Amino acid sequence: MILSFGQPNERARTGETGFTLIEIMMTMVIMGLLVAMVAPSLDAYVPKSRLDSAAKVLAANLDMVRSEAKIQSKPYTVELDLKHARWRRVFPPEQRLTTDQELWTIESQNEDWNELGDDVVFAGAGSANLGLARDGMYKVNFDVNGFTSDQVIMLHLLSDPKMIWSIQFHGITGRAEILTDFEGTEHPLEEVGEGGF
């Protein structure tokens, strides 16, 4: 069929109205692109998403360091700076040991600090045995088998301290559980006594 200027096309002549499949698909593609561009920037405005993101990243890194300690059969540490809302992984000094060095002369290798995120801070960190630290440095130490004591790390927003996310990390199993609370209730660990298993 040849279309020429000034003559109506086939759809116009038959009186059919509506959209073609291609027009609908192109509209959906454009809408999808717009949503994909706008959605990430909207997350920054949703307080819950900031806490979710910070808690998931920290829990995943605790699990990764636990696995690395177990695989390498070396002690690893995750260091939390409770005052400045940041954390880092600390590798054992044996990672940099050469044949002409003694182990006691080598210092641990620290990664750069990782910030928790905009408006996210530590509410505290600790274990059932040691209690809860609110300020200063706190270390989660993993032994050569990847074990640690049960740990809790609590995060909240500066702008809304009632939103508290607690990462409960079970040291023997390596399972991390994120508990959320919108009323300001903290979820510290309880000490497991004899017969608790």
C-alpha atoms as a PDB file:
ATOM      1  CA  MET A   1       0.000   0.000   0.000  1.00  0.00           C
ATOM      2  CA  ILE A   2       1.328   3.394  -0.964  1.00  0.00           C
ATOM      3  CA  LEU A   3       0.471   6.385   1.173  1.00  0.00           C
ATOM      4  CA  SER A   4       0.532   9.791  -0.346  1.00  0.00           C
ATOM      5  CA  PHE A   5       0.197  13.162   1.315  1.00  0.00           C
ATOM      6  CA  GLY A   6      -3.290  14.519   1.486  1.00  0.00           C
ATOM      7  CA  GLN A   7      -5.012  11.138   1.373  1.00  0.00           C
ATOM      8  CA  PRO A   8      -6.344   9.496   4.537  1.00  0.00           C
ATOM      9  CA  ASN A   9      -4.614   6.317   5.676  1.00  0.00           C
ATOM     10  CA  GLU A  10      -6.324   2.923   5.965  1.00  0.00           C
ATOM     11  CA  ARG A  11      -7.371   3.365   9.649  1.00  0.00           C
ATOM     12  CA  ALA A  12      -8.893   6.754   9.017  1.00  0.00           C
ATOM     13  CA  ARG A  13     -10.866   5.541   5.995  1.00  0.00           C
ATOM     14  CA  THR A  14     -12.404   2.573   7.793  1.00  0.00           C
ATOM     15  CA  GLY A  15     -13.296   4.622  10.868  1.00  0.00           C
ATOM     16  CA  GLU A  16     -11.194   2.528  13.266  1.00  0.00           C
ATOM     17  CA  THR A  17      -9.833   4.350  16.280  1.00  0.00           C
ATOM     18  CA  GLY A  18      -7.493   3.264  19.071  1.00  0.00           C
ATOM     19  CA  PHE A  19      -3.827   2.506  19.516  1.00  0.00           C
ATOM     20  CA  THR A  20      -1.663  -0.066  17.794  1.00  0.00           C
ATOM     21  CA  LEU A  21       0.321  -2.622  19.750  1.00  0.00           C
ATOM     22  CA  ILE A  22       3.558  -0.828  18.894  1.00  0.00           C
ATOM     23  CA  GLU A  23       2.240   2.485  20.232  1.00  0.00           C
ATOM     24  CA  ILE A  24       1.211   0.837  23.515  1.00  0.00           C
ATOM     25  CA  MET A  25       4.563  -0.940  23.853  1.00  0.00           C
ATOM     26  CA  MET A  26       6.540   2.259  23.211  1.00  0.00           C
ATOM     27  CA  THR A  27       4.471   4.103  25.827  1.00  0.00           C
ATOM     28  CA  MET A  28       5.166   1.337  28.373  1.00  0.00           C
ATOM     29  CA  VAL A  29       8.907   1.405  27.601  1.00  0.00           C
ATOM     30  CA  ILE A  30       9.058   5.178  28.124  1.00  0.00           C
ATOM     31  CA  MET A  31       7.102   4.915  31.387  1.00  0.00           C
ATOM     32  CA  GLY A  32       9.404   2.120  32.578  1.00  0.00           C
ATOM     33  CA  LEU A  33      12.491   4.223  31.867  1.00  0.00           C
ATOM     34  CA  LEU A  34      11.036   7.163  33.771  1.00  0.00           C
ATOM     35  CA  VAL A  35      10.231   4.986  36.793  1.00  0.00           C
ATOM     36  CA  ALA A  36      13.716   3.437  36.700  1.00  0.00           C
ATOM     37  CA  MET A  37      15.296   6.886  36.750  1.00  0.00           C
ATOM     38  CA  VAL A  38      13.099   8.325  39.509  1.00  0.00           C
ATOM     39  CA  ALA A  39      12.797   5.340  41.908  1.00  0.00           C
ATOM     40  CA  PRO A  40      16.414   5.338  43.231  1.00  0.00           C
ATOM     41  CA  SER A  41      16.236   9.019  44.128  1.00  0.00           C
ATOM     42  CA  LEU A  42      12.942   8.466  45.952  1.00  0.00           C
ATOM     43  CA  ASP A  43      14.620   5.912  48.244  1.00  0.00           C
ATOM     44  CA  ALA A  44      16.735   8.676  49.743  1.00  0.00           C
ATOM     45  CA  TYR A  45      13.576  10.361  50.976  1.00  0.00           C
ATOM     46  CA  VAL A  46      12.093   7.288  52.620  1.00  0.00           C
ATOM     47  CA  PRO A  47      13.616   6.906  56.114  1.00  0.00           C
ATOM     48  CA  LYS A  48      12.852   3.193  56.337  1.00  0.00           C
ATOM     49  CA  SER A  49      14.841   2.468  53.182  1.00  0.00           C
ATOM     50  CA  ARG A  50      17.953   4.182  54.597  1.00  0.00           C
ATOM     51  CA  LEU A  51      17.884   1.998  57.707  1.00  0.00           C
ATOM     52  CA  ASP A  52      17.113  -1.132  55.662  1.00  0.00           C
ATOM     53  CA  SER A  53      20.014  -0.466  53.341  1.00  0.00           C
ATOM     54  CA  ALA A  54      22.549   0.235  56.116  1.00  0.00           C
ATOM     55  CA  ALA A  55      21.464  -2.830  58.133  1.00  0.00           C
ATOM     56  CA  LYS A  56      21.583  -5.181  55.133  1.00  0.00           C
ATOM     57  CA  VAL A  57      25.034  -3.980  54.054  1.00  0.00           C
ATOM     58  CA  LEU A  58      26.430  -4.382  57.566  1.00  0.00           C
ATOM     59  CA  ALA A  59      24.843  -7.830  58.046  1.00  0.00           C
ATOM     60  CA  ALA A  60      26.204  -9.009  54.688  1.00  0.00           C
ATOM     61  CA  ASN A  61      29.706  -7.814  55.574  1.00  0.00           C
ATOM     62  CA  LEU A  62      29.602  -9.540  58.966  1.00  0.00           C
ATOM     63  CA  ASP A  63      28.671 -12.755  57.185  1.00  0.00           C
ATOM     64  CA  MET A  64      31.428 -12.267  54.590  1.00  0.00           C
ATOM     65  CA  VAL A  65      34.075 -11.676  57.254  1.00  0.00           C
ATOM     66  CA  ARG A  66      32.851 -14.732  59.196  1.00  0.00           C
ATOM     67  CA  SER A  67      33.152 -16.859  56.045  1.00  0.00           C
ATOM     68  CA  GLU A  68      36.601 -15.465  55.258  1.00  0.00           C
ATOM     69  CA  ALA A  69      37.833 -16.244  58.786  1.00  0.00           C
ATOM     70  CA  LYS A  70      36.573 -19.805  58.433  1.00  0.00           C
ATOM     71  CA  ILE A  71      38.016 -20.322  54.942  1.00  0.00           C
ATOM     72  CA  GLN A  72      41.406 -18.771  55.744  1.00  0.00           C
ATOM     73  CA  SER A  73      41.544 -20.225  59.294  1.00  0.00           C
ATOM     74  CA  LYS A  74      42.618 -16.810  60.553  1.00  0.00           C
ATOM     75  CA  PRO A  75      41.025 -14.344  62.981  1.00  0.00           C
ATOM     76  CA  TYR A  76      39.202 -11.428  61.373  1.00  0.00           C
ATOM     77  CA  THR A  77      37.491  -8.390  62.895  1.00  0.00           C
ATOM     78  CA  VAL A  78      34.773  -5.920  62.005  1.00  0.00           C
ATOM     79  CA  GLU A  79      35.433  -2.633  63.782  1.00  0.00           C
ATOM     80  CA  LEU A  80      32.551  -0.253  64.506  1.00  0.00           C
ATOM     81  CA  ASP A  81      33.133   3.419  65.240  1.00  0.00           C
ATOM     82  CA  LEU A  82      29.965   4.096  67.237  1.00  0.00           C
ATOM     83  CA  LYS A  83      30.645   7.810  67.613  1.00  0.00           C
ATOM     84  CA  HIS A  84      31.235   8.592  63.930  1.00  0.00           C
ATOM     85  CA  ALA A  85      28.710   6.135  62.386  1.00  0.00           C
ATOM     86  CA  ARG A  86      31.190   4.118  60.352  1.00  0.00           C
ATOM     87  CA  TRP A  87      32.683   0.630  60.174  1.00  0.00           C
ATOM     88  CA  ARG A  88      35.551  -1.264  58.562  1.00  0.00           C
ATOM     89  CA  ARG A  89      36.970  -4.747  58.146  1.00  0.00           C
ATOM     90  CA  VAL A  90      40.291  -5.568  59.792  1.00  0.00           C
ATOM     91  CA  PHE A  91      42.396  -8.347  58.284  1.00  0.00           C
ATOM     92  CA  PRO A  92      44.900 -10.376  60.300  1.00  0.00           C
ATOM     93  CA  PRO A  93      48.570  -9.398  60.200  1.00  0.00           C
ATOM     94  CA  GLU A  94      49.428 -12.781  58.634  1.00  0.00           C
ATOM     95  CA  GLN A  95      47.947 -11.504  55.372  1.00  0.00           C
ATOM     96  CA  ARG A  96      51.099  -9.386  54.846  1.00  0.00           C
ATOM     97  CA  LEU A  97      53.696 -11.692  56.392  1.00  0.00           C
ATOM     98  CA  THR A  98      56.802 -12.296  54.283  1.00  0.00           C
ATOM     99  CA  THR A  99      59.545 -14.851  54.857  1.00  0.00           C
ATOM    100  CA  ASP A 100      61.942 -12.333  56.431  1.00  0.00           C
ATOM    101  CA  GLN A 101      59.465 -10.957  58.998  1.00  0.00           C
ATOM    102  CA  GLU A 102      58.299 -12.032  62.413  1.00  0.00           C
ATOM    103  CA  LEU A 103      54.554 -12.124  63.074  1.00  0.00           C
ATOM    104  CA  TRP A 104      54.777  -9.832  66.116  1.00  0.00           C
ATOM    105  CA  THR A 105      56.327  -7.042  63.983  1.00  0.00           C
ATOM    106  CA  ILE A 106      53.391  -6.893  61.555  1.00  0.00           C
ATOM    107  CA  GLU A 107      50.320  -4.788  62.279  1.00  0.00           C
ATOM    108  CA  SER A 108      46.791  -5.648  61.249  1.00  0.00           C
ATOM    109  CA  GLN A 109      45.652  -4.340  57.885  1.00  0.00           C
ATOM    110  CA  ASN A 110      42.661  -2.014  58.104  1.00  0.00           C
ATOM    111  CA  GLU A 111      40.349  -1.210  55.233  1.00  0.00           C
ATOM    112  CA  ASP A 112      39.054   2.296  54.686  1.00  0.00           C
ATOM    113  CA  TRP A 113      36.073   3.327  56.771  1.00  0.00           C
ATOM    114  CA  ASN A 114      32.583   2.764  55.371  1.00  0.00           C
ATOM    115  CA  GLU A 115      29.938   5.294  56.350  1.00  0.00           C
ATOM    116  CA  LEU A 116      26.552   3.970  57.505  1.00  0.00           C
ATOM    117  CA  GLY A 117      24.649   6.392  55.310  1.00  0.00           C
ATOM    118  CA  ASP A 118      22.912   9.724  55.401  1.00  0.00           C
ATOM    119  CA  ASP A 119      21.159  10.295  58.757  1.00  0.00           C
ATOM    120  CA  VAL A 120      21.893   6.702  59.966  1.00  0.00           C
ATOM    121  CA  VAL A 121      23.866   6.286  63.218  1.00  0.00           C
ATOM    122  CA  PHE A 122      24.615   3.546  65.726  1.00  0.00           C
ATOM    123  CA  ALA A 123      22.283   3.287  68.711  1.00  0.00           C
ATOM    124  CA  GLY A 124      24.670   0.790  70.292  1.00  0.00           C
ATOM    125  CA  ALA A 125      26.483  -2.505  69.859  1.00  0.00           C
ATOM    126  CA  GLY A 126      27.345  -5.352  72.170  1.00  0.00           C
ATOM    127  CA  SER A 127      26.803  -8.867  73.347  1.00  0.00           C
ATOM    128  CA  ALA A 128      24.837 -10.473  76.147  1.00  0.00           C
ATOM    129  CA  ASN A 129      28.047 -11.109  78.104  1.00  0.00           C
ATOM    130  CA  LEU A 130      29.683  -7.691  77.700  1.00  0.00           C
ATOM    131  CA  GLY A 131      26.597  -5.497  77.617  1.00  0.00           C
ATOM    132  CA  LEU A 132      25.828  -2.678  75.257  1.00  0.00           C
ATOM    133  CA  ALA A 133      28.365  -0.034  74.184  1.00  0.00           C
ATOM    134  CA  ARG A 134      26.945   3.328  73.126  1.00  0.00           C
ATOM    135  CA  ASP A 135      30.097   5.250  72.246  1.00  0.00           C
ATOM    136  CA  GLY A 136      33.664   4.699  71.127  1.00  0.00           C
ATOM    137  CA  MET A 137      35.010   1.711  69.223  1.00  0.00           C
ATOM    138  CA  TYR A 138      33.436  -1.739  69.265  1.00  0.00           C
ATOM    139  CA  LYS A 139      34.977  -4.838  67.694  1.00  0.00           C
ATOM    140  CA  VAL A 140      33.251  -7.974  66.466  1.00  0.00           C
ATOM    141  CA  ASN A 141      36.038 -10.569  66.529  1.00  0.00           C
ATOM    142  CA  PHE A 142      35.819 -13.830  64.588  1.00  0.00           C
ATOM    143  CA  ASP A 143      38.134 -16.689  65.539  1.00  0.00           C
ATOM    144  CA  VAL A 144      39.903 -19.081  63.151  1.00  0.00           C
ATOM    145  CA  ASN A 145      36.711 -21.165  62.878  1.00  0.00           C
ATOM    146  CA  GLY A 146      34.565 -18.142  62.016  1.00  0.00           C
ATOM    147  CA  PHE A 147      32.872 -18.114  65.423  1.00  0.00           C
ATOM    148  CA  THR A 148      32.101 -15.124  67.618  1.00  0.00           C
ATOM    149  CA  SER A 149      29.821 -14.500  70.553  1.00  0.00           C
ATOM    150  CA  ASP A 150      26.243 -13.534  69.752  1.00  0.00           C
ATOM    151  CA  GLN A 151      26.260  -9.842  68.837  1.00  0.00           C
ATOM    152  CA  VAL A 152      23.678  -7.097  68.448  1.00  0.00           C
ATOM    153  CA  ILE A 153      24.211  -3.897  66.468  1.00  0.00           C
ATOM    154  CA  MET A 154      21.484  -1.276  66.679  1.00  0.00           C
ATOM    155  CA  LEU A 155      20.959   1.518  64.164  1.00  0.00           C
ATOM    156  CA  HIS A 156      18.610   4.487  64.211  1.00  0.00           C
ATOM    157  CA  LEU A 157      18.044   7.750  62.379  1.00  0.00           C
ATOM    158  CA  LEU A 158      19.219  11.074  63.763  1.00  0.00           C
ATOM    159  CA  SER A 159      16.020  12.628  62.464  1.00  0.00           C
ATOM    160  CA  ASP A 160      13.799   9.916  63.996  1.00  0.00           C
ATOM    161  CA  PRO A 161      15.427   8.095  66.965  1.00  0.00           C
ATOM    162  CA  LYS A 162      12.291   5.990  67.491  1.00  0.00           C
ATOM    163  CA  MET A 163      13.054   3.955  64.360  1.00  0.00           C
ATOM    164  CA  ILE A 164      15.525   1.326  65.608  1.00  0.00           C
ATOM    165  CA  TRP A 165      16.828  -1.526  63.464  1.00  0.00           C
ATOM    166  CA  SER A 166      18.641  -4.262  65.442  1.00  0.00           C
ATOM    167  CA  ILE A 167      20.987  -6.655  63.671  1.00  0.00           C
ATOM    168  CA  GLN A 168      21.207  -9.774  65.823  1.00  0.00           C
ATOM    169  CA  PHE A 169      24.176 -11.824  64.640  1.00  0.00           C
ATOM    170  CA  HIS A 170      24.302 -15.382  65.971  1.00  0.00           C
ATOM    171  CA  GLY A 171      27.984 -16.177  66.337  1.00  0.00           C
ATOM    172  CA  ILE A 172      27.964 -19.961  66.003  1.00  0.00           C
ATOM    173  CA  THR A 173      25.514 -20.313  63.118  1.00  0.00           C
ATOM    174  CA  GLY A 174      26.422 -17.048  61.381  1.00  0.00           C
ATOM    175  CA  ARG A 175      22.755 -16.212  60.925  1.00  0.00           C
ATOM    176  CA  ALA A 176      21.915 -12.505  60.916  1.00  0.00           C
ATOM    177  CA  GLU A 177      18.431 -11.358  61.807  1.00  0.00           C
ATOM    178  CA  ILE A 178      17.241  -7.771  61.358  1.00  0.00           C
ATOM    179  CA  LEU A 179      14.529  -6.694  63.801  1.00  0.00           C
ATOM    180  CA  THR A 180      12.693  -3.452  63.098  1.00  0.00           C
ATOM    181  CA  ASP A 181      10.914  -1.213  65.574  1.00  0.00           C
ATOM    182  CA  PHE A 182       9.075   2.060  65.021  1.00  0.00           C
ATOM    183  CA  GLU A 183       8.362   2.781  68.724  1.00  0.00           C
ATOM    184  CA  GLY A 184      11.925   3.159  70.038  1.00  0.00           C
ATOM    185  CA  THR A 185      12.126  -0.316  71.600  1.00  0.00           C
ATOM    186  CA  GLU A 186      15.603  -1.813  71.617  1.00  0.00           C
ATOM    187  CA  HIS A 187      16.160  -5.537  71.149  1.00  0.00           C
ATOM    188  CA  PRO A 188      19.291  -6.390  73.155  1.00  0.00           C
ATOM    189  CA  LEU A 189      20.524  -9.959  73.359  1.00  0.00           C
ATOM    190  CA  GLU A 190      19.691 -12.101  76.326  1.00  0.00           C
ATOM    191  CA  GLU A 191      22.380 -14.219  77.879  1.00  0.00           C
ATOM    192  CA  VAL A 192      21.926 -17.922  77.175  1.00  0.00           C
ATOM    193  CA  GLY A 193      22.414 -19.980  80.293  1.00  0.00           C
ATOM    194  CA  GLU A 194      22.852 -23.657  80.932  1.00  0.00           C
ATOM    195  CA  GLY A 195      20.085 -25.679  79.308  1.00  0.00           C
ATOM    196  CA  GLY A 196      19.441 -23.016  76.704  1.00  0.00           C
ATOM    197  CA  PHE A 197      20.217 -25.412  73.865  1.00  0.00           C
END
